[in-house]
């Protein structure tokens, strides 16, 4: 098994995060530090350590939905001492967040130790929907909504088409739902800023087929078998749209 896949499967981080651990020299195989992403290990035979802690594949897979509170960071630890999402779920089995939600954004966040599924959920080829509820300043016009849906320029590259629905429009503020299939840094906020509106509140209400529902902020629940099955099915086919 390739080293980054093994680390992700052990619940250390996503595959991308695992690659950073290897490149930073924090991973050792059979006592020797490795920095090559081409390293392969044999689970159960090779001794793999991260920062001196031996790893093993989890005996069972865990899938959780957390209603991330605003003011928490989407990491396992934080050098600034801010509360993290991992502190809000059971310590065992160890899980890691699937993607990120900004510090000032709340809502649906998946956590798992299934590194392979997490990798596919974040891969752009599978176009997994993420839906957000936003309160934005000002009154959004229908033309502005169409501009957002067509895509706006961010960092010299147009965003992928999205779906935008106004749920409440009043002078000075507008509530909207926006569905994305990509996950650039602070994308929702930056999209609205690009069309002249700032986001006052932002909550992710759906990740793929998994709905936030009535789950209270700071609480978590296990995914149902049907939700896990649907996520796996969704990421075993490539959507071409």
Protein backbone atom coordinates (compact mmCIF):
# COMPACT_ATOMS: atom_id res chain seq x y z
CA UNK A 1 0.00 0.00 0.00
CA UNK A 2 1.37 3.44 -0.91
CA UNK A 3 2.42 5.37 2.18
CA UNK A 4 -0.04 8.26 1.83
CA UNK A 5 -2.94 5.85 1.35
CA UNK A 6 -1.85 3.86 4.41
CA UNK A 7 -1.64 6.98 6.59
CA UNK A 8 -5.08 8.11 5.43
CA UNK A 9 -6.53 4.66 6.07
CA UNK A 10 -5.14 4.82 9.62
CA UNK A 11 -7.13 7.99 10.22
CA UNK A 12 -4.16 10.30 10.51
CA UNK A 13 -5.38 12.74 7.87
CA UNK A 14 -6.61 12.96 4.32
CA UNK A 15 -4.28 11.70 1.59
CA UNK A 16 -3.21 15.25 0.85
CA UNK A 17 -2.45 15.83 4.50
CA UNK A 18 -0.59 12.51 4.62
CA UNK A 19 1.60 13.61 1.72
CA UNK A 20 2.59 16.70 3.70
CA UNK A 21 3.51 14.54 6.71
CA UNK A 22 5.79 12.44 4.54
CA UNK A 23 7.41 15.41 2.80
CA UNK A 24 8.01 17.07 6.19
CA UNK A 25 9.98 14.05 7.41
CA UNK A 26 7.53 13.12 10.14
CA UNK A 27 6.99 9.53 8.94
CA UNK A 28 9.27 6.58 9.66
CA UNK A 29 9.05 3.05 8.25
CA UNK A 30 10.86 0.34 10.20
CA UNK A 31 12.84 2.98 12.06
CA UNK A 32 13.97 4.98 9.02
CA UNK A 33 12.50 8.36 8.09
CA UNK A 34 10.94 8.38 4.62
CA UNK A 35 10.26 11.46 2.52
CA UNK A 36 9.32 9.85 -0.80
CA UNK A 37 5.64 9.58 -1.71
CA UNK A 38 6.57 6.53 -3.80
CA UNK A 39 7.20 4.55 -0.59
CA UNK A 40 5.12 1.39 -0.22
CA UNK A 41 4.41 -0.44 3.05
CA UNK A 42 2.92 -3.80 3.92
CA UNK A 43 0.24 -3.37 6.60
CA UNK A 44 0.74 -5.66 9.58
CA UNK A 45 4.36 -6.30 8.69
CA UNK A 46 6.06 -2.92 8.37
CA UNK A 47 6.30 -0.65 11.41
CA UNK A 48 4.99 2.80 10.42
CA UNK A 49 5.25 5.75 12.81
CA UNK A 50 4.22 9.40 12.69
CA UNK A 51 6.08 11.61 15.15
CA UNK A 52 7.17 8.45 16.94
CA UNK A 53 3.66 7.04 17.35
CA UNK A 54 3.08 3.65 15.74
CA UNK A 55 0.08 3.36 13.44
CA UNK A 56 -2.22 0.51 12.58
CA UNK A 57 -5.18 0.19 10.28
CA UNK A 58 -8.45 0.73 12.17
CA UNK A 59 -10.34 -2.34 13.26
CA UNK A 60 -13.58 -0.66 12.23
CA UNK A 61 -14.55 2.26 10.04
CA UNK A 62 -16.39 5.21 11.52
CA UNK A 63 -18.50 7.84 9.74
CA UNK A 64 -19.79 10.88 11.62
CA UNK A 65 -21.74 14.04 10.83
CA UNK A 66 -20.87 17.03 13.02
CA UNK A 67 -22.71 20.34 13.15
CA UNK A 68 -19.55 22.42 13.29
CA UNK A 69 -19.94 25.49 15.49
CA UNK A 70 -18.70 28.86 14.31
CA UNK A 71 -15.41 29.54 16.09
CA UNK A 72 -13.87 26.08 15.73
CA UNK A 73 -11.09 25.08 13.36
CA UNK A 74 -11.30 22.10 11.01
CA UNK A 75 -8.08 20.41 12.12
CA UNK A 76 -6.96 17.84 14.65
CA UNK A 77 -4.97 20.44 16.59
CA UNK A 78 -4.34 24.15 16.40
CA UNK A 79 -1.07 25.94 17.24
CA UNK A 80 -3.06 28.98 18.40
CA UNK A 81 -4.98 26.89 20.92
CA UNK A 82 -8.39 27.41 19.33
CA UNK A 83 -11.02 24.67 19.78
CA UNK A 84 -10.99 22.05 17.03
CA UNK A 85 -13.69 19.89 15.50
CA UNK A 86 -11.88 16.71 16.56
CA UNK A 87 -12.39 17.71 20.21
CA UNK A 88 -16.16 17.51 19.63
CA UNK A 89 -16.24 13.82 18.66
CA UNK A 90 -15.16 10.65 20.49
CA UNK A 91 -11.36 10.10 20.59
CA UNK A 92 -11.71 6.50 19.43
CA UNK A 93 -11.78 5.40 16.75
CA UNK A 94 -9.71 8.32 15.57
CA UNK A 95 -11.36 10.23 12.72
CA UNK A 96 -10.40 13.25 10.63
CA UNK A 97 -12.50 15.89 8.86
CA UNK A 98 -13.42 15.47 5.21
CA UNK A 99 -12.36 18.80 3.77
CA UNK A 100 -12.67 22.08 5.63
CA UNK A 101 -15.15 24.63 6.85
CA UNK A 102 -13.85 28.10 7.64
CA UNK A 103 -13.45 29.27 11.24
CA UNK A 104 -16.45 31.58 10.85
CA UNK A 105 -18.62 29.04 8.99
CA UNK A 106 -20.76 26.41 10.68
CA UNK A 107 -22.75 23.39 9.64
CA UNK A 108 -22.42 19.95 8.12
CA UNK A 109 -18.95 18.44 8.40
CA UNK A 110 -18.18 14.78 7.79
CA UNK A 111 -15.47 13.02 9.81
CA UNK A 112 -14.20 9.52 9.12
CA UNK A 113 -11.24 7.17 9.27
CA UNK A 114 -12.10 5.84 5.79
CA UNK A 115 -9.31 7.58 3.93
CA UNK A 116 -10.22 6.15 0.54
CA UNK A 117 -13.80 7.44 0.71
CA UNK A 118 -12.69 10.82 2.05
CA UNK A 119 -10.29 11.19 -0.87
CA UNK A 120 -13.00 10.47 -3.40
CA UNK A 121 -15.51 12.80 -1.74
CA UNK A 122 -13.07 15.67 -2.13
CA UNK A 123 -11.92 14.81 -5.65
CA UNK A 124 -13.39 17.21 -8.24
CA UNK A 125 -14.03 14.43 -10.75
CA UNK A 126 -16.98 13.15 -8.67
CA UNK A 127 -18.67 16.57 -8.38
CA UNK A 128 -20.18 15.97 -4.94
CA UNK A 129 -22.73 18.69 -4.09
CA UNK A 130 -22.30 20.93 -1.05
CA UNK A 131 -25.22 23.17 -0.15
CA UNK A 132 -24.95 26.32 1.95
CA UNK A 133 -27.47 28.69 3.54
CA UNK A 134 -26.19 32.26 3.53
CA UNK A 135 -27.33 35.63 4.82
CA UNK A 136 -25.82 38.31 2.59
CA UNK A 137 -25.89 42.05 2.84
CA UNK A 138 -27.88 44.04 0.32
CA UNK A 139 -30.68 42.95 -1.98
CA UNK A 140 -29.64 40.38 -4.57
CA UNK A 141 -31.15 41.00 -7.98
CA UNK A 142 -32.16 38.23 -10.36
CA UNK A 143 -29.32 39.26 -12.67
CA UNK A 144 -26.82 38.88 -9.81
CA UNK A 145 -28.18 35.40 -9.14
CA UNK A 146 -27.70 34.48 -12.80
CA UNK A 147 -24.12 35.80 -12.69
CA UNK A 148 -23.35 33.63 -9.67
CA UNK A 149 -24.87 30.59 -11.34
CA UNK A 150 -22.85 31.11 -14.52
CA UNK A 151 -19.65 31.50 -12.50
CA UNK A 152 -17.48 34.42 -11.40
CA UNK A 153 -13.75 35.06 -11.71
CA UNK A 154 -11.69 34.10 -8.67
CA UNK A 155 -7.91 34.22 -8.90
CA UNK A 156 -8.12 34.41 -12.68
CA UNK A 157 -10.27 31.31 -13.02
CA UNK A 158 -14.03 31.13 -13.38
CA UNK A 159 -15.95 29.15 -10.78
CA UNK A 160 -17.93 26.14 -11.92
CA UNK A 161 -21.67 26.60 -12.51
CA UNK A 162 -23.70 26.63 -9.29
CA UNK A 163 -27.33 26.74 -8.24
CA UNK A 164 -28.59 29.76 -6.31
CA UNK A 165 -32.05 30.06 -4.76
CA UNK A 166 -33.32 33.14 -2.93
CA UNK A 167 -35.31 32.12 0.15
CA UNK A 168 -35.98 35.60 1.56
CA UNK A 169 -35.29 38.95 -0.05
CA UNK A 170 -35.74 42.20 1.84
CA UNK A 171 -34.21 45.68 1.64
CA UNK A 172 -30.69 45.48 3.01
CA UNK A 173 -30.38 41.69 3.26
CA UNK A 174 -31.05 38.49 1.35
CA UNK A 175 -31.15 34.87 2.42
CA UNK A 176 -30.04 32.37 -0.20
CA UNK A 177 -29.19 28.73 -0.74
CA UNK A 178 -26.19 28.01 -2.96
CA UNK A 179 -25.08 24.58 -4.21
CA UNK A 180 -21.45 24.09 -5.28
CA UNK A 181 -19.52 21.20 -6.75
CA UNK A 182 -16.07 22.53 -6.00
CA UNK A 183 -14.35 23.65 -2.83
CA UNK A 184 -11.96 26.53 -3.28
CA UNK A 185 -10.76 28.45 -0.24
CA UNK A 186 -13.60 30.56 1.22
CA UNK A 187 -15.38 30.15 -2.08
CA UNK A 188 -18.93 31.11 -1.11
CA UNK A 189 -17.84 34.30 0.62
CA UNK A 190 -15.53 35.28 -2.22
CA UNK A 191 -18.19 34.61 -4.86
CA UNK A 192 -20.61 36.99 -3.20
CA UNK A 193 -17.87 39.56 -2.68
CA UNK A 194 -17.13 39.34 -6.41
CA UNK A 195 -20.68 40.52 -7.17
CA UNK A 196 -20.70 43.25 -4.53
CA UNK A 197 -22.22 41.56 -1.48
CA UNK A 198 -20.68 40.37 1.79
CA UNK A 199 -21.75 37.28 3.72
CA UNK A 200 -22.94 37.91 7.27
CA UNK A 201 -23.78 34.29 8.13
CA UNK A 202 -22.89 31.03 6.42
CA UNK A 203 -23.94 27.46 7.23
CA UNK A 204 -23.38 24.29 5.23
CA UNK A 205 -26.65 22.41 5.32
CA UNK A 206 -25.80 19.42 3.12
CA UNK A 207 -22.76 17.42 2.04
CA UNK A 208 -23.76 15.21 -0.87
CA UNK A 209 -26.80 13.21 0.29
CA UNK A 210 -26.13 13.88 3.99
CA UNK A 211 -28.42 16.56 5.43
CA UNK A 212 -27.64 18.63 8.53
CA UNK A 213 -31.32 18.53 9.48
CA UNK A 214 -32.10 19.37 13.09
CA UNK A 215 -28.69 18.38 14.48
CA UNK A 216 -27.75 21.02 17.03
CA UNK A 217 -24.55 23.04 16.80
CA UNK A 218 -21.61 21.23 18.43
CA UNK A 219 -23.32 17.82 18.35
CA UNK A 220 -22.61 14.85 16.11
CA UNK A 221 -24.29 11.64 15.00
CA UNK A 222 -23.15 8.53 13.14
CA UNK A 223 -24.09 8.30 9.50
CA UNK A 224 -26.75 5.74 8.71
CA UNK A 225 -25.85 2.65 6.70
CA UNK A 226 -27.91 4.06 3.84
CA UNK A 227 -26.00 7.36 3.90
CA UNK A 228 -22.64 5.57 3.80
CA UNK A 229 -23.86 3.34 0.98
CA UNK A 230 -25.04 6.36 -1.00
CA UNK A 231 -21.74 8.18 -0.51
CA UNK A 232 -19.84 5.14 -1.75
CA UNK A 233 -22.12 4.76 -4.75
CA UNK A 234 -21.84 8.45 -5.55
CA UNK A 235 -18.05 8.33 -5.60
CA UNK A 236 -17.72 5.20 -7.69
CA UNK A 237 -19.08 6.85 -10.79
CA UNK A 238 -17.86 9.91 -12.63
CA UNK A 239 -20.47 12.59 -13.26
CA UNK A 240 -20.09 14.38 -16.61
CA UNK A 241 -22.10 17.58 -16.72
